[in-house]
Amino acid sequence: MNASPTYSIETRGLTRRFGDFTAVDGVDLRVEEGSFFGFLGPNGAGKSTTLKMLTGLLQPSGGEIRILGMDFSKEPEAVKQRLGVVPEGLALFDRLTGGEYLTFVGRMYGLDRRLAADRGEELLAVMNLTENRGQFIVDYSHGMQKKLALAASLIHNPRVLFLDEPFEGVDAIAARDIKDILTSLTERKVTIFLTSHVLEIVERLCTHIGIIHQGKLLAQDTLDALRSGGVGEGRETLENAFIRLVGGGKKETKTLSWIT
């Protein structure tokens, strides 16, 4: 008999309203421990709003969030100690060096100065940023800043990692480094919650998928199960499954009137 799955993230009836507009409408998420969960949706679907509620940046209008079995509304500090977050807008302190920034973040999570500095050095090495440790962050490339933000999100040994568009504007070499690190984390039972518009990356990395549209959760399942839900034999691509679920069927090709 198989044991019931352990969920790192659970929501029940999660809702967020802005005046008369409901951005997230009664979402029930179940994200298994150690899974690589891709959270997808068209622009304006409610992805970012959901992510902000799951990371404590936005208060829900209704519903419940449980992270690692803890009620977020009752134990916010305990939950946040176990989360790592890489937001789309990185918001780094760009007048610190890379080494200083990681030590600062480690100290904010309660690590003593020596441990924070040691972990920072190890993270810089893993991210191939050791040569840039003394360089101001303002002088980092966009890809280097993404890797530094990921390093900062890991310094306190989180059990759940939230990533908002981590590959946007990142070159192929930096993207490969980030993918390798993320894959190694799931092997250690870290749960990763990823939002991205690049479906090819999601399809390559994620084990489970959730799709939100107009504030409602349309689907959540394993990647293989989701791709097997189309019409006909064999598996469809994640892109085709996504378009089928959000209602973006085949349309007439649009052209520009002045281009002939």
Protein backbone atom coordinates (compact mmCIF):
# COMPACT_ATOMS: atom_id res chain seq x y z
CA MET A 1 0.00 0.00 0.00
CA ASN A 2 1.45 3.36 -1.05
CA ALA A 3 1.81 6.05 1.60
CA SER A 4 -0.14 9.27 1.09
CA PRO A 5 1.99 12.05 -0.41
CA THR A 6 3.42 14.72 1.87
CA TYR A 7 2.55 18.24 0.71
CA SER A 8 4.95 21.14 1.13
CA ILE A 9 2.38 23.65 -0.14
CA GLU A 10 -1.37 23.43 0.36
CA THR A 11 -4.05 26.05 -0.20
CA ARG A 12 -7.77 25.81 0.37
CA GLY A 13 -10.09 28.33 -1.25
CA LEU A 14 -7.24 30.81 -1.71
CA THR A 15 -8.77 34.08 -2.90
CA ARG A 16 -7.56 37.61 -3.51
CA ARG A 17 -9.77 40.53 -4.49
CA PHE A 18 -8.82 44.03 -5.52
CA GLY A 19 -12.03 45.99 -5.09
CA ASP A 20 -14.61 44.35 -7.34
CA PHE A 21 -11.97 42.39 -9.27
CA THR A 22 -11.15 38.85 -8.17
CA ALA A 23 -7.55 38.09 -9.20
CA VAL A 24 -7.38 34.66 -7.55
CA ASP A 25 -10.63 32.76 -7.13
CA GLY A 26 -10.82 29.84 -4.69
CA VAL A 27 -7.56 28.10 -5.61
CA ASP A 28 -6.83 24.69 -4.04
CA LEU A 29 -3.17 23.82 -4.60
CA ARG A 30 -1.39 20.62 -3.56
CA VAL A 31 2.38 20.60 -4.14
CA GLU A 32 4.18 17.42 -3.09
CA GLU A 33 7.40 17.49 -1.10
CA GLY A 34 10.49 17.37 -3.32
CA SER A 35 8.56 18.08 -6.51
CA PHE A 36 9.55 20.63 -9.15
CA PHE A 37 6.22 22.39 -9.65
CA GLY A 38 5.65 24.63 -12.66
CA PHE A 39 2.88 27.20 -12.21
CA LEU A 40 1.64 28.45 -15.57
CA GLY A 41 -0.93 30.84 -16.93
CA PRO A 42 -1.45 33.60 -19.50
CA ASN A 43 -0.64 37.20 -18.63
CA GLY A 44 -3.06 38.44 -15.99
CA ALA A 45 -4.14 34.93 -14.98
CA GLY A 46 -3.28 35.35 -11.29
CA LYS A 47 0.19 33.74 -11.15
CA SER A 48 2.03 36.64 -9.55
CA THR A 49 -0.79 37.36 -7.11
CA THR A 50 -0.80 33.72 -6.01
CA LEU A 51 2.98 33.72 -5.63
CA LYS A 52 2.89 36.89 -3.53
CA MET A 53 0.33 35.33 -1.19
CA LEU A 54 2.33 32.10 -0.90
CA THR A 55 5.45 34.05 0.09
CA GLY A 56 3.75 36.42 2.53
CA LEU A 57 4.02 39.57 0.42
CA LEU A 58 0.25 39.88 -0.01
CA GLN A 59 -2.55 39.07 2.40
CA PRO A 60 -5.26 36.76 1.03
CA SER A 61 -8.85 38.01 0.94
CA GLY A 62 -9.96 34.51 1.89
CA GLY A 63 -8.85 30.92 2.16
CA GLU A 64 -5.98 29.15 3.86
CA ILE A 65 -2.27 28.59 3.14
CA ARG A 66 -0.26 25.81 4.74
CA ILE A 67 3.49 25.55 4.11
CA LEU A 68 5.30 22.47 5.41
CA GLY A 69 2.22 21.69 7.48
CA MET A 70 2.18 25.11 9.16
CA ASP A 71 -0.67 27.60 8.93
CA PHE A 72 0.92 30.68 7.32
CA SER A 73 -1.52 33.07 9.00
CA LYS A 74 -0.66 31.74 12.48
CA GLU A 75 3.09 31.08 12.12
CA PRO A 76 4.35 33.58 9.52
CA GLU A 77 7.89 33.91 10.91
CA ALA A 78 8.41 30.16 11.23
CA VAL A 79 7.18 29.66 7.67
CA LYS A 80 9.35 32.43 6.19
CA GLN A 81 12.45 30.98 7.88
CA ARG A 82 11.96 27.88 5.70
CA LEU A 83 11.30 29.68 2.41
CA GLY A 84 13.67 30.86 -0.28
CA VAL A 85 12.38 33.41 -2.78
CA VAL A 86 13.80 34.73 -6.07
CA PRO A 87 11.35 37.44 -7.21
CA GLU A 88 11.14 38.61 -10.82
CA GLY A 89 12.28 42.09 -9.77
CA LEU A 90 15.45 41.08 -7.96
CA ALA A 91 15.68 44.15 -5.66
CA LEU A 92 19.34 43.52 -4.79
CA PHE A 93 21.38 46.04 -2.79
CA ASP A 94 23.55 47.03 -5.71
CA ARG A 95 26.08 49.10 -3.72
CA LEU A 96 27.22 46.00 -1.83
CA THR A 97 29.66 43.49 -3.24
CA GLY A 98 28.44 39.98 -3.96
CA GLY A 99 30.25 38.64 -0.89
CA GLU A 100 28.88 41.39 1.36
CA TYR A 101 25.34 40.85 0.12
CA LEU A 102 25.34 37.11 0.86
CA THR A 103 26.77 37.70 4.35
CA PHE A 104 24.10 40.33 4.97
CA VAL A 105 21.28 38.00 3.87
CA GLY A 106 22.66 35.17 5.99
CA ARG A 107 22.77 37.45 9.02
CA MET A 108 19.16 38.51 8.41
CA TYR A 109 18.19 34.83 8.61
CA GLY A 110 19.94 34.50 11.97
CA LEU A 111 23.22 32.89 10.91
CA ASP A 112 26.30 34.00 12.82
CA ARG A 113 28.74 36.13 10.86
CA ARG A 114 31.32 33.39 10.28
CA LEU A 115 28.76 30.82 9.11
CA ALA A 116 27.10 33.37 6.82
CA ALA A 117 30.47 34.29 5.29
CA ASP A 118 31.49 30.64 4.84
CA ARG A 119 28.21 29.70 3.18
CA GLY A 120 28.45 32.81 1.03
CA GLU A 121 31.87 31.76 -0.25
CA GLU A 122 30.61 28.25 -1.04
CA LEU A 123 27.58 29.64 -2.87
CA LEU A 124 29.74 32.04 -4.90
CA ALA A 125 31.89 29.08 -5.95
CA VAL A 126 28.89 26.96 -6.94
CA MET A 127 27.45 29.87 -8.96
CA ASN A 128 30.82 30.54 -10.66
CA LEU A 129 30.92 34.01 -9.08
CA THR A 130 34.04 33.70 -6.93
CA GLU A 131 36.06 36.03 -9.17
CA ASN A 132 33.29 38.64 -8.80
CA ARG A 133 32.90 38.40 -5.01
CA GLY A 134 34.48 41.85 -4.47
CA GLN A 135 32.65 43.54 -7.33
CA PHE A 136 29.68 45.82 -6.69
CA ILE A 137 26.39 44.21 -7.68
CA VAL A 138 25.52 47.23 -9.83
CA ASP A 139 28.34 46.13 -12.13
CA TYR A 140 27.10 42.53 -12.42
CA SER A 141 25.49 41.36 -15.65
CA HIS A 142 21.80 40.44 -15.49
CA GLY A 143 22.66 36.73 -15.50
CA MET A 144 25.15 37.20 -12.66
CA GLN A 145 22.52 39.05 -10.64
CA LYS A 146 20.06 36.19 -11.16
CA LYS A 147 22.63 33.69 -9.89
CA LEU A 148 23.43 35.90 -6.89
CA ALA A 149 19.72 36.20 -6.06
CA LEU A 150 19.43 32.40 -6.22
CA ALA A 151 22.48 32.08 -3.96
CA ALA A 152 20.91 34.46 -1.44
CA SER A 153 17.68 32.45 -1.45
CA LEU A 154 19.60 29.29 -0.51
CA ILE A 155 21.97 30.54 2.19
CA HIS A 156 19.64 29.63 5.10
CA ASN A 157 18.88 26.09 3.81
CA PRO A 158 15.21 26.57 2.81
CA ARG A 159 12.86 23.63 2.32
CA VAL A 160 10.63 25.40 -0.21
CA LEU A 161 12.00 27.60 -2.99
CA PHE A 162 9.83 30.05 -4.97
CA LEU A 163 11.20 31.24 -8.31
CA ASP A 164 9.51 33.93 -10.43
CA GLU A 165 10.83 33.90 -14.02
CA PRO A 166 14.37 32.84 -12.99
CA PHE A 167 15.57 32.39 -16.59
CA GLU A 168 14.33 35.67 -18.04
CA GLY A 169 17.20 37.55 -19.67
CA VAL A 170 19.73 34.85 -18.71
CA ASP A 171 22.27 33.57 -21.25
CA ALA A 172 22.65 29.87 -22.07
CA ILE A 173 25.68 29.30 -19.81
CA ALA A 174 24.09 30.95 -16.75
CA ALA A 175 20.80 29.14 -17.46
CA ARG A 176 22.60 25.78 -17.52
CA ASP A 177 24.28 26.54 -14.18
CA ILE A 178 20.93 27.47 -12.62
CA LYS A 179 19.20 24.35 -14.01
CA ASP A 180 21.92 22.07 -12.62
CA ILE A 181 21.65 23.63 -9.17
CA LEU A 182 17.85 23.44 -9.11
CA THR A 183 17.86 19.79 -10.17
CA SER A 184 20.29 18.94 -7.37
CA LEU A 185 18.00 20.65 -4.84
CA THR A 186 14.99 18.46 -5.66
CA GLU A 187 17.21 15.41 -5.16
CA ARG A 188 17.57 16.65 -1.55
CA LYS A 189 13.76 16.92 -1.15
CA VAL A 190 13.65 20.70 -1.55
CA THR A 191 10.32 21.68 -3.14
CA ILE A 192 10.60 24.16 -6.01
CA PHE A 193 7.68 26.32 -7.15
CA LEU A 194 8.48 27.93 -10.51
CA THR A 195 6.59 30.46 -12.60
CA SER A 196 7.78 30.99 -16.16
CA HIS A 197 6.47 31.87 -19.61
CA VAL A 198 9.15 29.71 -21.24
CA LEU A 199 7.27 26.44 -21.59
CA GLU A 200 10.26 24.57 -23.02
CA ILE A 201 12.18 25.18 -19.78
CA VAL A 202 9.20 24.16 -17.65
CA GLU A 203 8.76 20.99 -19.70
CA ARG A 204 12.43 20.10 -19.29
CA LEU A 205 12.64 20.73 -15.54
CA CYS A 206 9.27 20.28 -13.87
CA THR A 207 7.74 17.06 -12.59
CA HIS A 208 4.34 18.59 -11.77
CA ILE A 209 2.31 21.37 -13.38
CA GLY A 210 -0.48 23.72 -12.30
CA ILE A 211 -2.33 25.95 -14.76
CA ILE A 212 -4.29 29.02 -13.71
CA HIS A 213 -6.55 31.11 -15.95
CA GLN A 214 -8.76 34.07 -15.02
CA GLY A 215 -7.99 33.43 -11.38
CA LYS A 216 -9.16 29.79 -11.37
CA LEU A 217 -6.97 26.69 -11.20
CA LEU A 218 -7.75 24.71 -14.37
CA ALA A 219 -5.41 21.76 -13.80
CA GLN A 220 -2.74 20.36 -11.52
CA ASP A 221 -1.09 17.03 -12.16
CA THR A 222 2.16 15.39 -13.09
CA LEU A 223 3.69 16.59 -16.33
CA ASP A 224 3.20 13.20 -17.98
CA ALA A 225 -0.47 13.01 -16.97
CA LEU A 226 -1.12 16.52 -18.25
CA ARG A 227 0.48 15.80 -21.61
CA SER A 228 -1.56 12.60 -21.95
CA GLY A 229 -4.86 14.47 -21.71
CA GLY A 230 -5.18 15.48 -25.34
CA VAL A 231 -7.17 13.91 -28.14
CA GLY A 232 -5.55 11.09 -30.09
CA GLU A 233 -2.73 8.71 -29.39
CA GLY A 234 0.56 9.58 -27.74
CA ARG A 235 1.59 12.56 -25.63
CA GLU A 236 1.13 16.16 -26.67
CA THR A 237 3.63 18.89 -25.90
CA LEU A 238 3.20 21.03 -22.81
CA GLU A 239 2.56 24.00 -25.10
CA ASN A 240 -0.35 22.22 -26.80
CA ALA A 241 -1.76 21.05 -23.46
CA PHE A 242 -1.51 24.58 -22.09
CA ILE A 243 -3.26 26.13 -25.10
CA ARG A 244 -5.97 23.46 -25.03
CA LEU A 245 -6.72 24.14 -21.36
CA VAL A 246 -6.75 27.94 -21.48
CA GLY A 247 -8.91 28.00 -24.61
CA GLY A 248 -6.41 29.42 -27.08
CA GLY A 249 -7.30 27.12 -29.94
CA LYS A 250 -6.03 27.43 -33.47
CA LYS A 251 -6.70 30.86 -34.91
CA GLU A 252 -6.32 32.50 -38.26
CA THR A 253 -2.78 33.73 -38.78
CA LYS A 254 -2.58 37.48 -38.32
CA THR A 255 -0.60 39.65 -40.69
CA LEU A 256 0.36 43.31 -40.92
CA SER A 257 -1.43 45.14 -43.72
CA TRP A 258 1.64 47.09 -44.87
CA ILE A 259 3.97 44.12 -45.17
CA THR A 260 3.63 42.28 -48.50
